Amino acid sequence: MSFSDLKNKIESFFEGQARLSDSKDCIEEVFSLLNQGKIRVAEKVNGEWIVNSWVKKAILLAFKLKKSVKQEFDSYDKLGLLKFDFENPRYRKVPLATIRDGAYIGDDVVLMPSYINVGAYVGNKTMIDINAAIGSCAQIGKNCHIAAQACIGGVLEPETAAPTIVEDGCFIGAHSSVLEGVIVEEDSVIAAGVTITASTKIIDRDTKETFKGRIPKGSVVVQGSYPSDGLNIACGIIIKRIDDKTQSKLSINDILRETR
C-alpha cells in the first residue's frame, strides 16, 4: 500500500467514515513503518518542520482500538515494546532501556537506562543517557547527547500540534527539560537544569533579541530570569554561540557509538 493510500485510510478511520474495527491492518502497517524509520511524525522539508498529523492519528487510533493486556516486565498496557533485533543489531541498548512500539532508533545509538515513547525518532549516533525520557512523538537528530535525567517532552494531542524537536548535533544537559513542542535548532547546547516551554522567553545576552518556542542554531543556553512587576520570571539566556572550545568539550566519542 502506498503512503498516500495508507494516509487516506487512516484519515477515513479517524473521521469515522469507516469502521474502526477494520483499521487494525492499517494501524499495524503504520507502526511497522515508524519502527523502521520509513515514516515520521514530523520531518524537515525545505528548512521547515512539517507535522504528519495522519501518523499521529494512527497512534491515537491504536489506543482507541487496542485493549490493555499483560505486557513485558509485568506491565499492563495497550502497546508493547519494540523488539530488539539480535540478529542484526544496529545500536546498543543496556539493561532497563525501554523503547515503546512505534518508535525508531537509528544506527549506532547508545541507550542507557532510559525511556523512549511511541512515535519518537532518535537519529544516528545519538546517546540517550541514564534516566532520560524521550516523550511521545519527540524527534531527536543525529549526533546528539541527551544527558542524564533530561526530559524531552511528548506532544501527541492534538494531532496537529508540532512535537518537541531536537535537531542534529545538540547537547541537552542533565536534569533539563525541553517541552511543549519547542524546537532546539542544530548544534545548540542547553545547560544542566534549564527548563524551556513554548512560552519561555529565550533572551540573547548580547543582542537582547527574544525568542519563544525555538532555540536558534548554535546557541548556548543557561537558566536565567528577568524582572516583571516586581517578580523574577524564569527564562533562558543565550550566553554565546557555539565555538570550537565548547564543541571540543562536547564532541562525541565514536568508540562509545560502536555497535559491535
Protein backbone atom coordinates (compact mmCIF):
# COMPACT_ATOMS: atom_id res chain seq x y z
CA MET A 1 0.00 0.00 0.00
CA SER A 2 1.37 3.44 -0.92
CA PHE A 3 1.87 6.10 1.75
CA SER A 4 -0.88 8.13 0.08
CA ASP A 5 -3.36 5.26 0.26
CA LEU A 6 -2.38 4.50 3.84
CA LYS A 7 -2.80 8.15 4.81
CA ASN A 8 -6.27 8.30 3.20
CA LYS A 9 -7.39 5.16 5.01
CA ILE A 10 -6.16 6.42 8.39
CA GLU A 11 -7.92 9.74 7.83
CA SER A 12 -11.11 7.86 6.97
CA PHE A 13 -10.95 5.75 10.14
CA PHE A 14 -10.14 8.78 12.28
CA GLU A 15 -13.06 10.79 10.91
CA GLY A 16 -15.46 7.89 11.47
CA GLN A 17 -16.09 7.38 7.76
CA ALA A 18 -15.00 3.74 8.05
CA ARG A 19 -15.41 1.21 10.83
CA LEU A 20 -12.69 1.34 13.47
CA SER A 21 -12.75 -2.44 13.72
CA ASP A 22 -11.42 -2.60 10.14
CA SER A 23 -8.42 -0.39 10.89
CA LYS A 24 -6.16 -3.00 12.50
CA ASP A 25 -4.06 -3.83 9.43
CA CYS A 26 -3.53 -0.15 8.57
CA ILE A 27 -2.51 0.73 12.11
CA GLU A 28 -0.09 -2.20 12.26
CA GLU A 29 1.46 -1.06 8.99
CA VAL A 30 1.92 2.48 10.34
CA PHE A 31 3.62 1.14 13.47
CA SER A 32 5.88 -1.09 11.36
CA LEU A 33 6.89 1.89 9.21
CA LEU A 34 7.53 4.01 12.31
CA ASN A 35 9.75 1.29 13.78
CA GLN A 36 11.76 1.22 10.56
CA GLY A 37 12.05 5.00 10.32
CA LYS A 38 10.31 4.98 6.93
CA ILE A 39 7.68 7.44 8.15
CA ARG A 40 7.92 10.03 10.91
CA VAL A 41 5.52 12.11 12.95
CA ALA A 42 7.38 15.21 11.75
CA GLU A 43 10.06 15.85 9.14
CA LYS A 44 12.04 18.81 7.88
CA VAL A 45 11.05 19.85 4.36
CA ASN A 46 12.78 22.79 2.65
CA GLY A 47 14.04 24.04 6.00
CA GLU A 48 10.67 23.87 7.77
CA TRP A 49 9.34 21.21 10.14
CA ILE A 50 6.12 19.65 8.85
CA VAL A 51 3.81 17.61 11.10
CA ASN A 52 2.42 14.44 9.54
CA SER A 53 -0.80 14.60 11.51
CA TRP A 54 -2.13 11.41 9.91
CA VAL A 55 0.67 9.44 11.59
CA LYS A 56 -0.33 10.87 14.97
CA LYS A 57 -3.92 9.98 14.16
CA ALA A 58 -2.88 6.37 13.58
CA ILE A 59 -1.22 6.28 17.02
CA LEU A 60 -4.35 7.70 18.63
CA LEU A 61 -6.47 5.14 16.79
CA ALA A 62 -4.26 2.39 18.18
CA PHE A 63 -5.09 3.48 21.71
CA LYS A 64 -8.77 3.51 20.82
CA LEU A 65 -8.72 0.13 19.11
CA LYS A 66 -6.42 -1.90 21.34
CA LYS A 67 -7.23 -3.31 24.77
CA SER A 68 -4.82 -3.32 27.69
CA VAL A 69 -3.18 -6.70 28.16
CA LYS A 70 -0.25 -8.08 30.13
CA GLN A 71 2.98 -6.92 28.55
CA GLU A 72 6.69 -7.31 29.24
CA PHE A 73 8.12 -6.59 32.68
CA ASP A 74 4.83 -7.22 34.43
CA SER A 75 3.19 -4.22 32.77
CA TYR A 76 -0.42 -3.85 31.67
CA ASP A 77 -0.78 -1.65 28.61
CA LYS A 78 -2.26 -1.22 25.15
CA LEU A 79 1.14 -1.02 23.44
CA GLY A 80 4.02 -3.44 23.72
CA LEU A 81 7.75 -2.76 23.50
CA LEU A 82 9.93 -2.58 20.42
CA LYS A 83 11.65 -5.91 19.85
CA PHE A 84 15.44 -5.78 19.66
CA ASP A 85 16.91 -7.43 16.56
CA PHE A 86 19.75 -9.53 17.96
CA GLU A 87 20.50 -10.96 14.50
CA ASN A 88 21.18 -7.50 13.07
CA PRO A 89 21.99 -5.14 15.96
CA ARG A 90 22.20 -1.56 14.73
CA TYR A 91 22.51 0.17 18.11
CA ARG A 92 23.45 -0.57 21.71
CA LYS A 93 20.81 -1.00 24.39
CA VAL A 94 21.80 -1.60 28.01
CA PRO A 95 19.51 -3.22 30.61
CA LEU A 96 16.42 -1.19 31.56
CA ALA A 97 16.44 0.88 28.38
CA THR A 98 12.79 0.83 27.32
CA ILE A 99 11.51 1.52 23.81
CA ARG A 100 7.79 1.55 23.21
CA ASP A 101 6.40 0.10 19.99
CA GLY A 102 6.10 2.76 17.27
CA ALA A 103 9.47 4.42 17.94
CA TYR A 104 12.57 4.48 15.75
CA ILE A 105 16.16 4.09 16.94
CA GLY A 106 18.91 4.97 14.45
CA ASP A 107 22.23 3.28 13.74
CA ASP A 108 24.97 3.39 16.40
CA VAL A 109 22.68 4.96 19.00
CA VAL A 110 23.54 4.24 22.64
CA LEU A 111 20.61 3.77 25.01
CA MET A 112 21.43 3.84 28.69
CA PRO A 113 18.58 3.00 31.13
CA SER A 114 16.06 5.41 29.62
CA TYR A 115 12.56 5.62 28.15
CA ILE A 116 11.61 6.20 24.51
CA ASN A 117 7.89 6.71 23.94
CA VAL A 118 5.64 5.91 20.98
CA GLY A 119 6.16 7.98 17.83
CA ALA A 120 9.63 9.14 18.88
CA TYR A 121 12.56 9.24 16.46
CA VAL A 122 16.21 9.05 17.57
CA GLY A 123 18.83 9.77 14.91
CA ASN A 124 22.11 8.02 14.22
CA LYS A 125 24.98 8.16 16.75
CA THR A 126 22.90 9.85 19.44
CA MET A 127 23.30 8.95 23.11
CA ILE A 128 20.29 8.82 25.42
CA ASP A 129 21.80 8.85 28.89
CA ILE A 130 20.71 7.42 32.24
CA ASN A 131 17.08 8.09 33.21
CA ALA A 132 16.49 10.41 30.27
CA ALA A 133 12.95 10.44 28.87
CA ILE A 134 12.08 10.96 25.21
CA GLY A 135 8.39 11.76 25.11
CA SER A 136 5.75 10.66 22.63
CA CYS A 137 6.47 11.81 19.06
CA ALA A 138 9.64 13.72 20.06
CA GLN A 139 12.14 13.98 17.22
CA ILE A 140 15.84 13.75 18.11
CA GLY A 141 18.51 14.33 15.47
CA LYS A 142 21.79 12.57 14.84
CA ASN A 143 24.98 13.07 16.87
CA CYS A 144 23.07 14.39 19.88
CA HIS A 145 23.63 13.75 23.58
CA ILE A 146 20.57 13.77 25.82
CA ALA A 147 22.18 13.80 29.26
CA ALA A 148 21.16 12.06 32.48
CA GLN A 149 17.59 12.70 33.67
CA ALA A 150 16.87 15.16 30.87
CA CYS A 151 13.27 15.25 29.61
CA ILE A 152 12.24 15.85 26.01
CA GLY A 153 8.51 16.36 26.33
CA GLY A 154 5.87 14.43 24.45
CA VAL A 155 3.20 16.03 22.26
CA LEU A 156 0.65 13.51 20.97
CA GLU A 157 -2.53 15.57 21.23
CA PRO A 158 -3.91 17.46 19.46
CA GLU A 159 -2.85 15.60 16.35
CA THR A 160 -1.96 18.83 14.51
CA ALA A 161 0.41 20.08 17.24
CA ALA A 162 4.13 20.05 16.48
CA PRO A 163 6.20 17.65 18.60
CA THR A 164 9.26 18.64 20.59
CA ILE A 165 12.25 18.63 18.26
CA VAL A 166 15.99 18.49 18.95
CA GLU A 167 17.96 18.89 15.73
CA ASP A 168 21.35 17.40 14.81
CA GLY A 169 24.41 17.88 16.96
CA CYS A 170 22.70 19.18 20.09
CA PHE A 171 23.61 18.64 23.73
CA ILE A 172 20.76 18.67 26.27
CA GLY A 173 22.20 18.95 29.77
CA ALA A 174 21.41 16.83 32.80
CA HIS A 175 18.09 17.49 34.59
CA SER A 176 16.99 19.89 31.85
CA SER A 177 13.55 19.83 30.21
CA VAL A 178 12.51 20.82 26.70
CA LEU A 179 8.73 20.73 26.46
CA GLU A 180 5.56 21.70 24.58
CA GLY A 181 6.81 21.45 21.00
CA VAL A 182 9.91 23.63 21.39
CA ILE A 183 12.46 23.32 18.57
CA VAL A 184 16.14 23.22 19.54
CA GLU A 185 17.99 24.05 16.35
CA GLU A 186 21.15 22.20 15.33
CA ASP A 187 24.44 22.41 17.22
CA SER A 188 22.84 24.06 20.27
CA VAL A 189 23.72 23.43 23.91
CA ILE A 190 21.19 23.50 26.74
CA ALA A 191 22.97 23.70 30.08
CA ALA A 192 22.11 21.47 33.02
CA GLY A 193 18.90 22.28 34.87
CA VAL A 194 17.32 24.51 32.21
CA THR A 195 13.55 24.29 31.63
CA ILE A 196 12.15 25.52 28.32
CA THR A 197 8.48 25.55 27.37
CA ALA A 198 6.65 27.12 24.44
CA SER A 199 6.07 30.29 26.49
CA THR A 200 9.57 30.57 27.96
CA LYS A 201 11.44 33.66 26.85
CA ILE A 202 14.85 32.95 25.37
CA ILE A 203 16.92 36.15 25.59
CA ASP A 204 20.15 36.71 23.70
CA ARG A 205 22.51 38.35 26.19
CA ASP A 206 24.43 40.24 23.51
CA THR A 207 21.72 41.39 21.10
CA LYS A 208 18.76 41.44 23.56
CA GLU A 209 16.72 39.65 20.90
CA THR A 210 13.94 37.47 22.35
CA PHE A 211 12.75 34.11 21.06
CA LYS A 212 9.89 31.81 22.04
CA GLY A 213 9.30 28.22 21.02
CA ARG A 214 12.73 27.75 19.47
CA ILE A 215 16.42 27.88 20.30
CA PRO A 216 18.39 29.44 17.42
CA LYS A 217 21.09 27.40 15.73
CA GLY A 218 24.34 27.12 17.64
CA SER A 219 23.09 28.72 20.87
CA VAL A 220 24.48 28.02 24.32
CA VAL A 221 21.58 28.45 26.76
CA VAL A 222 21.66 28.69 30.56
CA GLN A 223 18.89 29.23 33.09
CA GLY A 224 18.19 32.87 33.91
CA SER A 225 15.45 35.28 34.95
CA TYR A 226 14.11 38.72 34.08
CA PRO A 227 12.18 41.26 36.21
CA SER A 228 8.44 41.65 35.69
CA ASP A 229 6.13 43.64 38.02
CA GLY A 230 8.47 43.20 40.94
CA LEU A 231 8.97 39.49 40.33
CA ASN A 232 11.74 37.50 38.69
CA ILE A 233 10.41 35.31 35.87
CA ALA A 234 12.41 32.30 34.71
CA CYS A 235 13.85 32.43 31.21
CA GLY A 236 16.63 31.02 29.11
CA ILE A 237 19.70 33.14 28.41
CA ILE A 238 21.79 32.69 25.26
CA ILE A 239 25.20 33.43 26.73
CA LYS A 240 27.09 32.83 23.49
CA ARG A 241 27.09 30.98 20.22
CA ILE A 242 28.83 27.65 19.92
CA ASP A 243 32.59 27.87 19.35
CA ASP A 244 35.44 25.41 18.85
CA LYS A 245 36.26 25.34 22.56
CA THR A 246 32.71 24.45 23.56
CA GLN A 247 32.39 21.98 20.69
CA SER A 248 35.56 20.16 21.74
CA LYS A 249 34.19 19.63 25.24
CA LEU A 250 31.02 18.07 23.84
CA SER A 251 32.49 16.11 20.95
CA ILE A 252 31.12 12.61 20.54
CA ASN A 253 33.44 9.72 21.25
CA ASP A 254 32.95 7.36 18.32
CA ILE A 255 34.31 4.45 20.38
CA LEU A 256 31.18 4.56 22.54
CA ARG A 257 28.94 4.50 19.47
CA GLU A 258 30.33 1.30 18.00
CA THR A 259 27.54 -1.29 17.86
CA ARG A 260 29.65 -4.42 17.58
